[in-house]
């Protein structure tokens, strides 16, 4: 019973992080100036950047497109679906 709770809690955390990445991507269309970023935008960047930055550095430059959120969402999806329960 304890392991089921643990896997469900881990699944919840990964889904929450996935939603934060999606929110950051959507907010980037509205909150475009990094110098005048809203408080919500600053919070989303602070939470997601430690995961997105290393992946962004590994990927080839895609012009003006940043594919690191897509990679993170795909990897999180694979991890979530591979969890037992």
PDB file of N, CA and C in Angstrom:
ATOM      1  N   UNK A   1       0.819  -1.188   0.000  1.00  0.00           N
ATOM      2  CA  UNK A   1       0.000   0.000   0.000  1.00  0.00           C
ATOM      3  C   UNK A   1       0.870   1.262   0.000  1.00  0.00           C
ATOM      4  N   UNK A   2       2.004   1.234   0.703  1.00  0.00           N
ATOM      5  CA  UNK A   2       2.897   2.386   0.734  1.00  0.00           C
ATOM      6  C   UNK A   2       3.536   2.663  -0.609  1.00  0.00           C
ATOM      7  N   UNK A   3       3.851   1.597  -1.360  1.00  0.00           N
ATOM      8  CA  UNK A   3       4.475   1.804  -2.665  1.00  0.00           C
ATOM      9  C   UNK A   3       3.476   2.375  -3.666  1.00  0.00           C
ATOM     10  N   UNK A   4       2.208   1.988  -3.536  1.00  0.00           N
ATOM     11  CA  UNK A   4       1.189   2.535  -4.432  1.00  0.00           C
ATOM     12  C   UNK A   4       1.069   4.037  -4.211  1.00  0.00           C
ATOM     13  N   UNK A   5       1.054   4.454  -2.946  1.00  0.00           N
ATOM     14  CA  UNK A   5       1.004   5.882  -2.636  1.00  0.00           C
ATOM     15  C   UNK A   5       2.230   6.598  -3.195  1.00  0.00           C
ATOM     16  N   UNK A   6       3.390   5.990  -3.014  1.00  0.00           N
ATOM     17  CA  UNK A   6       4.627   6.605  -3.491  1.00  0.00           C
ATOM     18  C   UNK A   6       4.610   6.799  -5.003  1.00  0.00           C
ATOM     19  N   UNK A   7       4.179   5.771  -5.750  1.00  0.00           N
ATOM     20  CA  UNK A   7       4.123   5.894  -7.206  1.00  0.00           C
ATOM     21  C   UNK A   7       3.073   6.912  -7.640  1.00  0.00           C
ATOM     22  N   UNK A   8       1.933   6.949  -6.946  1.00  0.00           N
ATOM     23  CA  UNK A   8       0.908   7.941  -7.288  1.00  0.00           C
ATOM     24  C   UNK A   8       1.393   9.357  -6.990  1.00  0.00           C
ATOM     25  N   UNK A   9       2.120   9.531  -5.889  1.00  0.00           N
ATOM     26  CA  UNK A   9       2.655  10.837  -5.546  1.00  0.00           C
ATOM     27  C   UNK A   9       3.709  11.276  -6.564  1.00  0.00           C
ATOM     28  N   UNK A  10       4.571  10.354  -6.956  1.00  0.00           N
ATOM     29  CA  UNK A  10       5.575  10.654  -7.975  1.00  0.00           C
ATOM     30  C   UNK A  10       4.915  11.002  -9.302  1.00  0.00           C
ATOM     31  N   UNK A  11       3.880  10.270  -9.662  1.00  0.00           N
ATOM     32  CA  UNK A  11       3.129  10.557 -10.895  1.00  0.00           C
ATOM     33  C   UNK A  11       2.517  11.957 -10.821  1.00  0.00           C
ATOM     34  N   UNK A  12       1.968  12.304  -9.664  1.00  0.00           N
ATOM     35  CA  UNK A  12       1.386  13.634  -9.473  1.00  0.00           C
ATOM     36  C   UNK A  12       2.439  14.729  -9.655  1.00  0.00           C
ATOM     37  N   UNK A  13       3.611  14.544  -9.042  1.00  0.00           N
ATOM     38  CA  UNK A  13       4.671  15.548  -9.163  1.00  0.00           C
ATOM     39  C   UNK A  13       5.137  15.714 -10.609  1.00  0.00           C
ATOM     40  N   UNK A  14       5.282  14.608 -11.317  1.00  0.00           N
ATOM     41  CA  UNK A  14       5.722  14.682 -12.712  1.00  0.00           C
ATOM     42  C   UNK A  14       4.665  15.345 -13.589  1.00  0.00           C
ATOM     43  N   UNK A  15       3.396  15.031 -13.349  1.00  0.00           N
ATOM     44  CA  UNK A  15       2.326  15.685 -14.113  1.00  0.00           C
ATOM     45  C   UNK A  15       2.264  17.177 -13.802  1.00  0.00           C
ATOM     46  N   UNK A  16       2.453  17.538 -12.541  1.00  0.00           N
ATOM     47  CA  UNK A  16       2.449  18.955 -12.166  1.00  0.00           C
ATOM     48  C   UNK A  16       3.596  19.695 -12.860  1.00  0.00           C
ATOM     49  N   UNK A  17       4.780  19.065 -12.910  1.00  0.00           N
ATOM     50  CA  UNK A  17       5.898  19.704 -13.592  1.00  0.00           C
ATOM     51  C   UNK A  17       5.631  19.822 -15.089  1.00  0.00           C
ATOM     52  N   UNK A  18       5.008  18.814 -15.664  1.00  0.00           N
ATOM     53  CA  UNK A  18       4.650  18.866 -17.080  1.00  0.00           C
ATOM     54  C   UNK A  18       3.700  20.034 -17.345  1.00  0.00           C
ATOM     55  N   UNK A  19       2.742  20.241 -16.458  1.00  0.00           N
ATOM     56  CA  UNK A  19       1.818  21.368 -16.611  1.00  0.00           C
ATOM     57  C   UNK A  19       2.536  22.709 -16.452  1.00  0.00           C
ATOM     58  N   UNK A  20       3.535  22.775 -15.575  1.00  0.00           N
ATOM     59  CA  UNK A  20       4.306  24.001 -15.426  1.00  0.00           C
ATOM     60  C   UNK A  20       5.105  24.317 -16.690  1.00  0.00           C
ATOM     61  N   UNK A  21       5.643  23.298 -17.325  1.00  0.00           N
ATOM     62  CA  UNK A  21       6.373  23.509 -18.587  1.00  0.00           C
ATOM     63  C   UNK A  21       5.408  24.009 -19.664  1.00  0.00           C
ATOM     64  N   UNK A  22       4.233  23.404 -19.745  1.00  0.00           N
ATOM     65  CA  UNK A  22       3.236  23.842 -20.731  1.00  0.00           C
ATOM     66  C   UNK A  22       2.809  25.278 -20.447  1.00  0.00           C
ATOM     67  N   UNK A  23       2.620  25.614 -19.169  1.00  0.00           N
ATOM     68  CA  UNK A  23       2.242  26.980 -18.813  1.00  0.00           C
ATOM     69  C   UNK A  23       3.336  27.967 -19.200  1.00  0.00           C
ATOM     70  N   UNK A  24       4.594  27.571 -19.022  1.00  0.00           N
ATOM     71  CA  UNK A  24       5.704  28.456 -19.409  1.00  0.00           C
ATOM     72  C   UNK A  24       5.710  28.692 -20.907  1.00  0.00           C
ATOM     73  N   UNK A  25       5.478  27.643 -21.671  1.00  0.00           N
ATOM     74  CA  UNK A  25       5.449  27.790 -23.129  1.00  0.00           C
ATOM     75  C   UNK A  25       4.310  28.721 -23.540  1.00  0.00           C
ATOM     76  N   UNK A  26       3.132  28.519 -22.974  1.00  0.00           N
ATOM     77  CA  UNK A  26       1.990  29.361 -23.334  1.00  0.00           C
ATOM     78  C   UNK A  26       2.204  30.806 -22.890  1.00  0.00           C
ATOM     79  N   UNK A  27       2.775  30.989 -21.713  1.00  0.00           N
ATOM     80  CA  UNK A  27       3.009  32.341 -21.228  1.00  0.00           C
ATOM     81  C   UNK A  27       4.085  33.061 -22.039  1.00  0.00           C
ATOM     82  N   UNK A  28       4.982  32.312 -22.654  1.00  0.00           N
ATOM     83  CA  UNK A  28       6.039  32.940 -23.444  1.00  0.00           C
ATOM     84  C   UNK A  28       5.485  33.652 -24.680  1.00  0.00           C
ATOM     85  N   UNK A  29       4.284  33.288 -25.103  1.00  0.00           N
ATOM     86  CA  UNK A  29       3.678  33.983 -26.234  1.00  0.00           C
ATOM     87  C   UNK A  29       3.122  35.342 -25.824  1.00  0.00           C
ATOM     88  N   UNK A  30       2.786  35.504 -24.543  1.00  0.00           N
ATOM     89  CA  UNK A  30       2.198  36.749 -24.056  1.00  0.00           C
ATOM     90  C   UNK A  30       3.240  37.609 -23.361  1.00  0.00           C
ATOM     91  N   UNK A  31       4.048  36.978 -22.538  1.00  0.00           N
ATOM     92  CA  UNK A  31       5.040  37.665 -21.712  1.00  0.00           C
ATOM     93  C   UNK A  31       6.400  37.568 -22.408  1.00  0.00           C
ATOM     94  N   UNK A  32       6.577  38.349 -23.486  1.00  0.00           N
ATOM     95  CA  UNK A  32       7.718  38.131 -24.371  1.00  0.00           C
ATOM     96  C   UNK A  32       8.995  38.841 -23.943  1.00  0.00           C
ATOM     97  N   UNK A  33       8.904  39.922 -23.189  1.00  0.00           N
ATOM     98  CA  UNK A  33      10.098  40.687 -22.817  1.00  0.00           C
ATOM     99  C   UNK A  33      10.667  40.151 -21.504  1.00  0.00           C
ATOM    100  N   UNK A  34      11.847  39.514 -21.535  1.00  0.00           N
ATOM    101  CA  UNK A  34      12.401  38.946 -20.295  1.00  0.00           C
ATOM    102  C   UNK A  34      12.737  40.000 -19.237  1.00  0.00           C
ATOM    103  N   UNK A  35      12.958  41.240 -19.640  1.00  0.00           N
ATOM    104  CA  UNK A  35      13.282  42.286 -18.669  1.00  0.00           C
ATOM    105  C   UNK A  35      12.056  42.756 -17.908  1.00  0.00           C
ATOM    106  N   UNK A  36      10.877  42.584 -18.497  1.00  0.00           N
ATOM    107  CA  UNK A  36       9.638  43.033 -17.866  1.00  0.00           C
ATOM    108  C   UNK A  36       8.696  41.858 -17.625  1.00  0.00           C
ATOM    109  N   UNK A  37       9.241  40.736 -17.257  1.00  0.00           N
ATOM    110  CA  UNK A  37       8.458  39.515 -17.061  1.00  0.00           C
ATOM    111  C   UNK A  37       7.590  39.642 -15.803  1.00  0.00           C
ATOM    112  N   UNK A  38       6.376  39.117 -15.885  1.00  0.00           N
ATOM    113  CA  UNK A  38       5.461  39.160 -14.744  1.00  0.00           C
ATOM    114  C   UNK A  38       5.968  38.247 -13.631  1.00  0.00           C
ATOM    115  N   UNK A  39       5.353  38.385 -12.468  1.00  0.00           N
ATOM    116  CA  UNK A  39       5.747  37.553 -11.320  1.00  0.00           C
ATOM    117  C   UNK A  39       5.489  36.079 -11.617  1.00  0.00           C
ATOM    118  N   UNK A  40       4.385  35.783 -12.280  1.00  0.00           N
ATOM    119  CA  UNK A  40       4.089  34.397 -12.647  1.00  0.00           C
ATOM    120  C   UNK A  40       5.128  33.875 -13.634  1.00  0.00           C
ATOM    121  N   UNK A  41       5.506  34.701 -14.592  1.00  0.00           N
ATOM    122  CA  UNK A  41       6.524  34.309 -15.556  1.00  0.00           C
ATOM    123  C   UNK A  41       7.866  34.054 -14.899  1.00  0.00           C
ATOM    124  N   UNK A  42       8.227  34.894 -13.941  1.00  0.00           N
ATOM    125  CA  UNK A  42       9.485  34.708 -13.217  1.00  0.00           C
ATOM    126  C   UNK A  42       9.470  33.411 -12.417  1.00  0.00           C
ATOM    127  N   UNK A  43       8.329  33.112 -11.799  1.00  0.00           N
ATOM    128  CA  UNK A  43       8.204  31.874 -11.028  1.00  0.00           C
ATOM    129  C   UNK A  43       8.309  30.651 -11.928  1.00  0.00           C
ATOM    130  N   UNK A  44       7.636  30.685 -13.070  1.00  0.00           N
ATOM    131  CA  UNK A  44       7.688  29.552 -13.996  1.00  0.00           C
ATOM    132  C   UNK A  44       9.101  29.343 -14.533  1.00  0.00           C
ATOM    133  N   UNK A  45       9.798  30.416 -14.838  1.00  0.00           N
ATOM    134  CA  UNK A  45      11.173  30.302 -15.319  1.00  0.00           C
ATOM    135  C   UNK A  45      12.069  29.733 -14.217  1.00  0.00           C
ATOM    136  N   UNK A  46      11.898  30.206 -12.998  1.00  0.00           N
ATOM    137  CA  UNK A  46      12.726  29.732 -11.888  1.00  0.00           C
ATOM    138  C   UNK A  46      12.518  28.244 -11.624  1.00  0.00           C
ATOM    139  N   UNK A  47      11.305  27.753 -11.806  1.00  0.00           N
ATOM    140  CA  UNK A  47      11.014  26.344 -11.538  1.00  0.00           C
ATOM    141  C   UNK A  47      11.454  25.447 -12.694  1.00  0.00           C
ATOM    142  N   UNK A  48      11.231  25.878 -13.930  1.00  0.00           N
ATOM    143  CA  UNK A  48      11.459  24.999 -15.074  1.00  0.00           C
ATOM    144  C   UNK A  48      12.843  25.125 -15.697  1.00  0.00           C
ATOM    145  N   UNK A  49      13.500  26.242 -15.509  1.00  0.00           N
ATOM    146  CA  UNK A  49      14.793  26.462 -16.182  1.00  0.00           C
ATOM    147  C   UNK A  49      15.874  25.456 -15.793  1.00  0.00           C
ATOM    148  N   UNK A  50      15.960  25.001 -14.524  1.00  0.00           N
ATOM    149  CA  UNK A  50      16.992  24.010 -14.207  1.00  0.00           C
ATOM    150  C   UNK A  50      16.866  22.703 -14.985  1.00  0.00           C
ATOM    151  N   UNK A  51      15.687  22.387 -15.470  1.00  0.00           N
ATOM    152  CA  UNK A  51      15.503  21.179 -16.283  1.00  0.00           C
ATOM    153  C   UNK A  51      15.638  21.498 -17.765  1.00  0.00           C
ATOM    154  N   UNK A  52      15.118  22.643 -18.179  1.00  0.00           N
ATOM    155  CA  UNK A  52      15.130  22.981 -19.606  1.00  0.00           C
ATOM    156  C   UNK A  52      16.516  23.385 -20.115  1.00  0.00           C
ATOM    157  N   UNK A  53      17.286  24.085 -19.310  1.00  0.00           N
ATOM    158  CA  UNK A  53      18.582  24.612 -19.766  1.00  0.00           C
ATOM    159  C   UNK A  53      19.557  23.520 -20.207  1.00  0.00           C
ATOM    160  N   UNK A  54      19.759  22.436 -19.430  1.00  0.00           N
ATOM    161  CA  UNK A  54      20.698  21.411 -19.903  1.00  0.00           C
ATOM    162  C   UNK A  54      20.238  20.737 -21.196  1.00  0.00           C
ATOM    163  N   UNK A  55      18.937  20.560 -21.343  1.00  0.00           N
ATOM    164  CA  UNK A  55      18.432  19.950 -22.577  1.00  0.00           C
ATOM    165  C   UNK A  55      18.596  20.917 -23.741  1.00  0.00           C
ATOM    166  N   UNK A  56      18.366  22.194 -23.487  1.00  0.00           N
ATOM    167  CA  UNK A  56      18.542  23.211 -24.529  1.00  0.00           C
ATOM    168  C   UNK A  56      19.990  23.250 -25.010  1.00  0.00           C
ATOM    169  N   UNK A  57      20.931  23.038 -24.093  1.00  0.00           N
ATOM    170  CA  UNK A  57      22.344  23.043 -24.465  1.00  0.00           C
ATOM    171  C   UNK A  57      22.728  21.817 -25.277  1.00  0.00           C
ATOM    172  N   UNK A  58      22.028  20.706 -25.090  1.00  0.00           N
ATOM    173  CA  UNK A  58      22.325  19.481 -25.841  1.00  0.00           C
ATOM    174  C   UNK A  58      21.744  19.492 -27.253  1.00  0.00           C
ATOM    175  N   UNK A  59      20.630  20.170 -27.425  1.00  0.00           N
ATOM    176  CA  UNK A  59      19.952  20.178 -28.721  1.00  0.00           C
ATOM    177  C   UNK A  59      20.641  21.120 -29.701  1.00  0.00           C
ATOM    178  N   UNK A  60      20.601  20.777 -30.986  1.00  0.00           N
ATOM    179  CA  UNK A  60      21.118  21.732 -31.979  1.00  0.00           C
ATOM    180  C   UNK A  60      20.218  22.960 -32.036  1.00  0.00           C
ATOM    181  N   UNK A  61      20.788  24.067 -32.428  1.00  0.00           N
ATOM    182  CA  UNK A  61      20.021  25.311 -32.496  1.00  0.00           C
ATOM    183  C   UNK A  61      18.935  25.184 -33.560  1.00  0.00           C
ATOM    184  N   UNK A  62      17.710  25.527 -33.188  1.00  0.00           N
ATOM    185  CA  UNK A  62      16.573  25.424 -34.096  1.00  0.00           C
ATOM    186  C   UNK A  62      16.092  26.776 -34.563  1.00  0.00           C
ATOM    187  N   UNK A  63      17.010  27.707 -34.730  1.00  0.00           N
ATOM    188  CA  UNK A  63      16.608  29.044 -35.133  1.00  0.00           C
ATOM    189  C   UNK A  63      15.954  29.746 -33.968  1.00  0.00           C
ATOM    190  N   UNK A  64      14.766  30.278 -34.194  1.00  0.00           N
ATOM    191  CA  UNK A  64      14.076  30.984 -33.120  1.00  0.00           C
ATOM    192  C   UNK A  64      13.200  30.058 -32.288  1.00  0.00           C
ATOM    193  N   UNK A  65      13.174  28.776 -32.605  1.00  0.00           N
ATOM    194  CA  UNK A  65      12.343  27.823 -31.881  1.00  0.00           C
ATOM    195  C   UNK A  65      13.157  27.106 -30.818  1.00  0.00           C
ATOM    196  N   UNK A  66      12.546  26.929 -29.657  1.00  0.00           N
ATOM    197  CA  UNK A  66      13.172  26.209 -28.553  1.00  0.00           C
ATOM    198  C   UNK A  66      12.423  24.879 -28.392  1.00  0.00           C
ATOM    199  N   UNK A  67      13.108  23.792 -28.715  1.00  0.00           N
ATOM    200  CA  UNK A  67      12.466  22.483 -28.658  1.00  0.00           C
ATOM    201  C   UNK A  67      12.664  21.775 -27.325  1.00  0.00           C
ATOM    202  N   UNK A  68      13.357  22.405 -26.378  1.00  0.00           N
ATOM    203  CA  UNK A  68      13.598  21.747 -25.091  1.00  0.00           C
ATOM    204  C   UNK A  68      12.310  21.458 -24.318  1.00  0.00           C
ATOM    205  N   UNK A  69      11.281  22.327 -24.325  1.00  0.00           N
ATOM    206  CA  UNK A  69      10.044  21.950 -23.632  1.00  0.00           C
ATOM    207  C   UNK A  69       9.380  20.711 -24.241  1.00  0.00           C
ATOM    208  N   UNK A  70       9.453  20.586 -25.553  1.00  0.00           N
ATOM    209  CA  UNK A  70       8.877  19.405 -26.207  1.00  0.00           C
ATOM    210  C   UNK A  70       9.595  18.139 -25.759  1.00  0.00           C
ATOM    211  N   UNK A  71      10.918  18.195 -25.688  1.00  0.00           N
ATOM    212  CA  UNK A  71      11.695  17.030 -25.252  1.00  0.00           C
ATOM    213  C   UNK A  71      11.354  16.682 -23.806  1.00  0.00           C
ATOM    214  N   UNK A  72      11.260  17.698 -22.942  1.00  0.00           N
ATOM    215  CA  UNK A  72      10.934  17.451 -21.535  1.00  0.00           C
ATOM    216  C   UNK A  72       9.553  16.828 -21.403  1.00  0.00           C
ATOM    217  N   UNK A  73       8.575  17.344 -22.132  1.00  0.00           N
ATOM    218  CA  UNK A  73       7.217  16.806 -22.056  1.00  0.00           C
ATOM    219  C   UNK A  73       7.177  15.365 -22.552  1.00  0.00           C
ATOM    220  N   UNK A  74       7.889  15.067 -23.631  1.00  0.00           N
ATOM    221  CA  UNK A  74       7.919  13.697 -24.134  1.00  0.00           C
ATOM    222  C   UNK A  74       8.588  12.746 -23.146  1.00  0.00           C
ATOM    223  N   UNK A  75       9.700  13.160 -22.567  1.00  0.00           N
ATOM    224  CA  UNK A  75      10.408  12.308 -21.595  1.00  0.00           C
ATOM    225  C   UNK A  75       9.554  12.108 -20.346  1.00  0.00           C
ATOM    226  N   UNK A  76       8.926  13.172 -19.863  1.00  0.00           N
ATOM    227  CA  UNK A  76       8.054  13.026 -18.698  1.00  0.00           C
ATOM    228  C   UNK A  76       6.890  12.085 -18.989  1.00  0.00           C
ATOM    229  N   UNK A  77       6.341  12.179 -20.190  1.00  0.00           N
ATOM    230  CA  UNK A  77       5.256  11.282 -20.571  1.00  0.00           C
ATOM    231  C   UNK A  77       5.681   9.826 -20.551  1.00  0.00           C
ATOM    232  N   UNK A  78       6.876   9.551 -21.050  1.00  0.00           N
ATOM    233  CA  UNK A  78       7.397   8.179 -21.038  1.00  0.00           C
ATOM    234  C   UNK A  78       7.608   7.705 -19.599  1.00  0.00           C
ATOM    235  N   UNK A  79       8.167   8.561 -18.763  1.00  0.00           N
ATOM    236  CA  UNK A  79       8.407   8.182 -17.367  1.00  0.00           C
ATOM    237  C   UNK A  79       7.080   7.925 -16.633  1.00  0.00           C
ATOM    238  N   UNK A  80       6.120   8.810 -16.833  1.00  0.00           N
ATOM    239  CA  UNK A  80       4.831   8.653 -16.163  1.00  0.00           C
ATOM    240  C   UNK A  80       4.151   7.358 -16.594  1.00  0.00           C
ATOM    241  N   UNK A  81       4.201   7.057 -17.877  1.00  0.00           N
ATOM    242  CA  UNK A  81       3.533   5.857 -18.361  1.00  0.00           C
ATOM    243  C   UNK A  81       4.258   4.578 -17.974  1.00  0.00           C
ATOM    244  N   UNK A  82       5.540   4.694 -17.627  1.00  0.00           N
ATOM    245  CA  UNK A  82       6.293   3.497 -17.246  1.00  0.00           C
ATOM    246  C   UNK A  82       6.187   3.187 -15.752  1.00  0.00           C
ATOM    247  N   UNK A  83       5.616   4.119 -14.978  1.00  0.00           N
ATOM    248  CA  UNK A  83       5.447   3.865 -13.552  1.00  0.00           C
ATOM    249  C   UNK A  83       4.381   2.788 -13.326  1.00  0.00           C
ATOM    250  N   UNK A  84       4.628   1.863 -12.432  1.00  0.00           N
ATOM    251  CA  UNK A  84       3.620   0.824 -12.164  1.00  0.00           C
ATOM    252  C   UNK A  84       2.415   1.409 -11.425  1.00  0.00           C
ATOM    253  N   UNK A  85       1.295   0.744 -11.595  1.00  0.00           N
ATOM    254  CA  UNK A  85       0.100   1.139 -10.864  1.00  0.00           C
ATOM    255  C   UNK A  85      -0.878   1.761 -11.752  1.00  0.00           C
TER     256      UNK A  85
END
